[in-house]
Amino acid sequence: MSPSSFESSLKSAKTLLAILLCSIIGCDGSSSIAGKWRNSGDSSAIIWEFRKDGSVLIGNTRGRYSFGNDQRVKIETPFATSVYRMEFSGDRMMLTDPNGSRLEFTKLK
């Protein structure tokens, strides 16, 4: 195998691996975040519902969400605009604000 064909094969393998990893972990944040979520520590907590169209319903408050870089989500409601870093682990979502405060949610079935 010539060096140039080896480099080409290596590049193709890296691209395939990146695509495979994205499909496994869900690179598209909108499909990961879509659904109804409740604060993990409180079974009577307000439900946050993220829709694929970019709308969010937090209790009775309607708003919009959008994604930024580095796994960030911006949530805008009539009362506030917040930016969080998102992390997902199974049916759990963690939102961490720039000050380090963390909200942990469990996805409802």
N, C-alpha and C. Protein backbone atom coordinates (compact mmCIF):
# COMPACT_ATOMS: atom_id res chain seq x y z
N MET A 1 0.85 -1.17 0.00
CA MET A 1 0.00 0.00 0.00
C MET A 1 0.90 1.23 0.00
N SER A 2 0.63 2.16 -0.89
CA SER A 2 1.44 3.37 -0.98
C SER A 2 1.08 4.32 0.17
N PRO A 3 2.00 5.21 0.55
CA PRO A 3 1.72 6.15 1.64
C PRO A 3 0.49 7.01 1.40
N SER A 4 0.26 7.43 0.14
CA SER A 4 -0.90 8.29 -0.12
C SER A 4 -2.22 7.53 0.01
N SER A 5 -2.24 6.25 -0.40
CA SER A 5 -3.48 5.48 -0.26
C SER A 5 -3.73 5.13 1.21
N PHE A 6 -2.63 4.92 1.97
CA PHE A 6 -2.77 4.68 3.41
C PHE A 6 -3.36 5.91 4.10
N GLU A 7 -2.85 7.10 3.76
CA GLU A 7 -3.37 8.34 4.34
C GLU A 7 -4.84 8.53 3.97
N SER A 8 -5.20 8.21 2.75
CA SER A 8 -6.59 8.33 2.31
C SER A 8 -7.48 7.36 3.08
N SER A 9 -7.02 6.13 3.26
CA SER A 9 -7.80 5.14 4.03
C SER A 9 -7.94 5.56 5.48
N LEU A 10 -6.87 6.11 6.05
CA LEU A 10 -6.90 6.57 7.43
C LEU A 10 -7.89 7.72 7.60
N LYS A 11 -7.88 8.64 6.63
CA LYS A 11 -8.80 9.77 6.67
C LYS A 11 -10.24 9.28 6.57
N SER A 12 -10.50 8.33 5.69
CA SER A 12 -11.85 7.77 5.55
C SER A 12 -12.29 7.07 6.83
N ALA A 13 -11.38 6.35 7.46
CA ALA A 13 -11.70 5.65 8.70
C ALA A 13 -12.02 6.64 9.83
N LYS A 14 -11.27 7.75 9.90
CA LYS A 14 -11.53 8.77 10.91
C LYS A 14 -12.89 9.42 10.69
N THR A 15 -13.23 9.70 9.44
CA THR A 15 -14.53 10.29 9.13
C THR A 15 -15.66 9.34 9.51
N LEU A 16 -15.52 8.08 9.15
CA LEU A 16 -16.52 7.08 9.49
C LEU A 16 -16.68 6.95 11.00
N LEU A 17 -15.59 6.96 11.73
CA LEU A 17 -15.62 6.87 13.19
C LEU A 17 -16.34 8.07 13.79
N ALA A 18 -16.07 9.27 13.27
CA ALA A 18 -16.73 10.48 13.77
C ALA A 18 -18.24 10.40 13.53
N ILE A 19 -18.66 9.94 12.36
CA ILE A 19 -20.08 9.82 12.05
C ILE A 19 -20.73 8.78 12.97
N LEU A 20 -20.05 7.67 13.18
CA LEU A 20 -20.57 6.63 14.04
C LEU A 20 -20.72 7.12 15.48
N LEU A 21 -19.71 7.81 15.99
CA LEU A 21 -19.78 8.34 17.35
C LEU A 21 -20.92 9.36 17.50
N CYS A 22 -21.08 10.21 16.50
CA CYS A 22 -22.17 11.19 16.55
C CYS A 22 -23.53 10.50 16.59
N SER A 23 -23.69 9.44 15.83
CA SER A 23 -24.98 8.76 15.84
C SER A 23 -25.22 8.03 17.15
N ILE A 24 -24.16 7.56 17.79
CA ILE A 24 -24.31 6.86 19.07
C ILE A 24 -24.63 7.84 20.19
N ILE A 25 -23.88 8.94 20.30
CA ILE A 25 -24.06 9.86 21.42
C ILE A 25 -25.05 10.96 21.13
N GLY A 26 -25.49 11.08 19.90
CA GLY A 26 -26.51 12.08 19.58
C GLY A 26 -25.93 13.47 19.44
N CYS A 27 -25.23 13.74 18.36
CA CYS A 27 -24.64 15.06 18.13
C CYS A 27 -25.71 16.14 17.95
N ASP A 28 -26.88 15.74 17.53
CA ASP A 28 -27.95 16.71 17.34
C ASP A 28 -28.64 16.94 18.68
N GLY A 29 -28.33 18.06 19.32
CA GLY A 29 -28.88 18.35 20.64
C GLY A 29 -30.39 18.40 20.66
N SER A 30 -31.01 18.83 19.54
CA SER A 30 -32.47 18.98 19.54
C SER A 30 -33.15 17.63 19.72
N SER A 31 -32.60 16.56 19.16
CA SER A 31 -33.24 15.26 19.36
C SER A 31 -32.96 14.72 20.74
N SER A 32 -31.84 15.09 21.35
CA SER A 32 -31.54 14.64 22.71
C SER A 32 -32.38 15.36 23.73
N ILE A 33 -32.60 16.64 23.53
CA ILE A 33 -33.29 17.47 24.52
C ILE A 33 -34.81 17.40 24.37
N ALA A 34 -35.30 17.03 23.20
CA ALA A 34 -36.74 17.01 22.96
C ALA A 34 -37.43 16.03 23.90
N GLY A 35 -38.51 16.51 24.51
CA GLY A 35 -39.28 15.68 25.42
C GLY A 35 -39.61 16.41 26.70
N LYS A 36 -40.17 15.68 27.65
CA LYS A 36 -40.56 16.25 28.94
C LYS A 36 -39.54 15.83 30.00
N TRP A 37 -39.16 16.80 30.83
CA TRP A 37 -38.13 16.59 31.85
C TRP A 37 -38.63 17.11 33.19
N ARG A 38 -38.24 16.41 34.27
CA ARG A 38 -38.58 16.84 35.62
C ARG A 38 -37.31 16.87 36.45
N ASN A 39 -37.24 17.84 37.37
CA ASN A 39 -36.09 17.92 38.27
C ASN A 39 -35.92 16.58 38.97
N SER A 40 -34.72 16.04 38.92
CA SER A 40 -34.47 14.69 39.43
C SER A 40 -34.75 14.54 40.92
N GLY A 41 -34.57 15.60 41.70
CA GLY A 41 -34.71 15.48 43.14
C GLY A 41 -36.11 15.73 43.67
N ASP A 42 -37.08 16.03 42.80
CA ASP A 42 -38.40 16.44 43.29
C ASP A 42 -39.49 15.92 42.36
N SER A 43 -40.26 14.94 42.81
CA SER A 43 -41.29 14.35 41.96
C SER A 43 -42.47 15.30 41.70
N SER A 44 -42.55 16.40 42.46
CA SER A 44 -43.63 17.37 42.23
C SER A 44 -43.13 18.63 41.53
N ALA A 45 -41.91 18.59 41.02
CA ALA A 45 -41.30 19.76 40.37
C ALA A 45 -42.00 20.07 39.05
N ILE A 46 -41.86 21.31 38.63
CA ILE A 46 -42.41 21.77 37.35
C ILE A 46 -41.77 20.97 36.22
N ILE A 47 -42.59 20.61 35.24
CA ILE A 47 -42.10 19.87 34.07
C ILE A 47 -41.61 20.87 33.03
N TRP A 48 -40.44 20.58 32.49
CA TRP A 48 -39.87 21.36 31.38
C TRP A 48 -40.07 20.52 30.12
N GLU A 49 -40.76 21.09 29.12
CA GLU A 49 -40.98 20.37 27.87
C GLU A 49 -40.28 21.09 26.73
N PHE A 50 -39.31 20.41 26.14
CA PHE A 50 -38.56 20.94 24.99
C PHE A 50 -39.13 20.29 23.74
N ARG A 51 -39.52 21.10 22.78
CA ARG A 51 -40.06 20.58 21.52
C ARG A 51 -39.02 20.74 20.42
N LYS A 52 -39.11 19.88 19.43
CA LYS A 52 -38.14 19.89 18.33
C LYS A 52 -38.17 21.18 17.53
N ASP A 53 -39.27 21.94 17.61
CA ASP A 53 -39.38 23.19 16.85
C ASP A 53 -38.68 24.38 17.54
N GLY A 54 -38.01 24.12 18.67
CA GLY A 54 -37.28 25.18 19.36
C GLY A 54 -38.09 25.88 20.44
N SER A 55 -39.30 25.42 20.69
CA SER A 55 -40.10 26.01 21.76
C SER A 55 -39.90 25.20 23.04
N VAL A 56 -40.11 25.87 24.17
CA VAL A 56 -40.00 25.22 25.47
C VAL A 56 -41.16 25.69 26.32
N LEU A 57 -41.66 24.79 27.14
CA LEU A 57 -42.73 25.10 28.08
C LEU A 57 -42.23 24.70 29.46
N ILE A 58 -42.08 25.69 30.33
CA ILE A 58 -41.61 25.45 31.70
C ILE A 58 -42.79 25.74 32.61
N GLY A 59 -43.46 24.68 33.05
CA GLY A 59 -44.73 24.88 33.76
C GLY A 59 -45.72 25.47 32.79
N ASN A 60 -46.19 26.70 33.08
CA ASN A 60 -47.10 27.41 32.17
C ASN A 60 -46.40 28.51 31.37
N THR A 61 -45.09 28.62 31.52
CA THR A 61 -44.33 29.69 30.86
C THR A 61 -43.77 29.19 29.53
N ARG A 62 -44.12 29.90 28.47
CA ARG A 62 -43.63 29.54 27.13
C ARG A 62 -42.35 30.31 26.82
N GLY A 63 -41.49 29.66 26.06
CA GLY A 63 -40.26 30.31 25.65
C GLY A 63 -39.67 29.63 24.44
N ARG A 64 -38.41 29.97 24.17
CA ARG A 64 -37.67 29.42 23.03
C ARG A 64 -36.32 28.95 23.53
N TYR A 65 -35.77 27.98 22.85
CA TYR A 65 -34.39 27.57 23.15
C TYR A 65 -33.62 27.45 21.85
N SER A 66 -32.32 27.64 21.96
CA SER A 66 -31.44 27.50 20.79
C SER A 66 -30.09 27.00 21.28
N PHE A 67 -29.37 26.39 20.37
CA PHE A 67 -28.07 25.81 20.71
C PHE A 67 -26.93 26.71 20.28
N GLY A 68 -25.91 26.75 21.11
CA GLY A 68 -24.68 27.44 20.78
C GLY A 68 -23.57 26.41 20.63
N ASN A 69 -22.35 26.88 20.64
CA ASN A 69 -21.24 25.94 20.54
C ASN A 69 -20.90 25.37 21.92
N ASP A 70 -20.07 24.35 21.94
CA ASP A 70 -19.57 23.74 23.17
C ASP A 70 -20.72 23.23 24.05
N GLN A 71 -21.71 22.57 23.44
CA GLN A 71 -22.83 21.96 24.17
C GLN A 71 -23.63 22.96 25.01
N ARG A 72 -23.81 24.16 24.50
CA ARG A 72 -24.55 25.18 25.23
C ARG A 72 -25.97 25.32 24.67
N VAL A 73 -26.89 25.64 25.58
CA VAL A 73 -28.27 25.90 25.19
C VAL A 73 -28.68 27.22 25.83
N LYS A 74 -29.37 28.04 25.04
CA LYS A 74 -29.89 29.32 25.54
C LYS A 74 -31.41 29.17 25.63
N ILE A 75 -31.95 29.48 26.81
CA ILE A 75 -33.38 29.39 27.04
C ILE A 75 -33.90 30.80 27.30
N GLU A 76 -34.85 31.23 26.46
CA GLU A 76 -35.42 32.58 26.58
C GLU A 76 -36.90 32.47 26.92
N THR A 77 -37.29 33.13 28.01
CA THR A 77 -38.70 33.23 28.39
C THR A 77 -39.01 34.72 28.55
N PRO A 78 -40.27 35.09 28.73
CA PRO A 78 -40.58 36.51 28.94
C PRO A 78 -39.92 37.07 30.21
N PHE A 79 -39.51 36.20 31.12
CA PHE A 79 -38.97 36.65 32.41
C PHE A 79 -37.45 36.66 32.48
N ALA A 80 -36.79 35.82 31.68
CA ALA A 80 -35.33 35.72 31.78
C ALA A 80 -34.75 35.02 30.56
N THR A 81 -33.46 35.25 30.36
CA THR A 81 -32.69 34.51 29.37
C THR A 81 -31.54 33.86 30.12
N SER A 82 -31.39 32.55 29.93
CA SER A 82 -30.34 31.81 30.63
C SER A 82 -29.56 30.98 29.63
N VAL A 83 -28.28 30.81 29.91
CA VAL A 83 -27.41 29.96 29.08
C VAL A 83 -26.84 28.87 29.99
N TYR A 84 -26.92 27.64 29.51
CA TYR A 84 -26.44 26.50 30.27
C TYR A 84 -25.54 25.63 29.39
N ARG A 85 -24.66 24.90 30.04
CA ARG A 85 -23.91 23.83 29.37
C ARG A 85 -24.71 22.55 29.60
N MET A 86 -24.98 21.81 28.54
CA MET A 86 -25.78 20.59 28.61
C MET A 86 -24.90 19.36 28.66
N GLU A 87 -25.33 18.40 29.46
CA GLU A 87 -24.70 17.08 29.48
C GLU A 87 -25.83 16.06 29.57
N PHE A 88 -25.68 14.97 28.85
CA PHE A 88 -26.68 13.91 28.88
C PHE A 88 -26.00 12.61 29.32
N SER A 89 -26.73 11.85 30.13
CA SER A 89 -26.28 10.52 30.54
C SER A 89 -27.52 9.65 30.67
N GLY A 90 -27.76 8.81 29.68
CA GLY A 90 -28.96 7.99 29.68
C GLY A 90 -30.20 8.86 29.64
N ASP A 91 -31.08 8.69 30.63
CA ASP A 91 -32.31 9.49 30.68
C ASP A 91 -32.15 10.71 31.58
N ARG A 92 -30.92 11.12 31.84
CA ARG A 92 -30.64 12.29 32.67
C ARG A 92 -30.04 13.41 31.84
N MET A 93 -30.42 14.64 32.20
CA MET A 93 -29.86 15.83 31.56
C MET A 93 -29.39 16.76 32.68
N MET A 94 -28.17 17.25 32.56
CA MET A 94 -27.63 18.20 33.50
C MET A 94 -27.43 19.53 32.78
N LEU A 95 -27.96 20.60 33.38
CA LEU A 95 -27.76 21.95 32.86
C LEU A 95 -26.95 22.72 33.89
N THR A 96 -25.80 23.23 33.48
CA THR A 96 -24.92 23.95 34.39
C THR A 96 -24.78 25.38 33.91
N ASP A 97 -25.07 26.35 34.79
CA ASP A 97 -24.94 27.76 34.39
C ASP A 97 -23.49 28.21 34.56
N PRO A 98 -23.14 29.38 34.03
CA PRO A 98 -21.75 29.85 34.08
C PRO A 98 -21.19 29.99 35.50
N ASN A 99 -22.06 30.15 36.51
CA ASN A 99 -21.60 30.26 37.90
C ASN A 99 -21.39 28.90 38.55
N GLY A 100 -21.72 27.83 37.84
CA GLY A 100 -21.53 26.48 38.37
C GLY A 100 -22.76 25.86 38.99
N SER A 101 -23.86 26.63 39.09
CA SER A 101 -25.11 26.04 39.60
C SER A 101 -25.61 25.01 38.61
N ARG A 102 -26.12 23.92 39.14
CA ARG A 102 -26.47 22.79 38.28
C ARG A 102 -27.92 22.37 38.50
N LEU A 103 -28.63 22.14 37.41
CA LEU A 103 -29.97 21.58 37.44
C LEU A 103 -29.88 20.18 36.84
N GLU A 104 -30.46 19.21 37.52
CA GLU A 104 -30.43 17.84 37.01
C GLU A 104 -31.86 17.36 36.79
N PHE A 105 -32.11 16.84 35.60
CA PHE A 105 -33.44 16.42 35.19
C PHE A 105 -33.44 14.94 34.81
N THR A 106 -34.61 14.34 34.94
CA THR A 106 -34.85 12.99 34.46
C THR A 106 -35.92 13.06 33.38
N LYS A 107 -35.68 12.40 32.26
CA LYS A 107 -36.64 12.42 31.15
C LYS A 107 -37.84 11.57 31.51
N LEU A 108 -39.04 12.11 31.27
CA LEU A 108 -40.26 11.37 31.53
C LEU A 108 -40.59 10.50 30.33
N LYS A 109 -41.12 9.36 30.60
CA LYS A 109 -41.47 8.40 29.53
C LYS A 109 -42.83 8.70 28.96
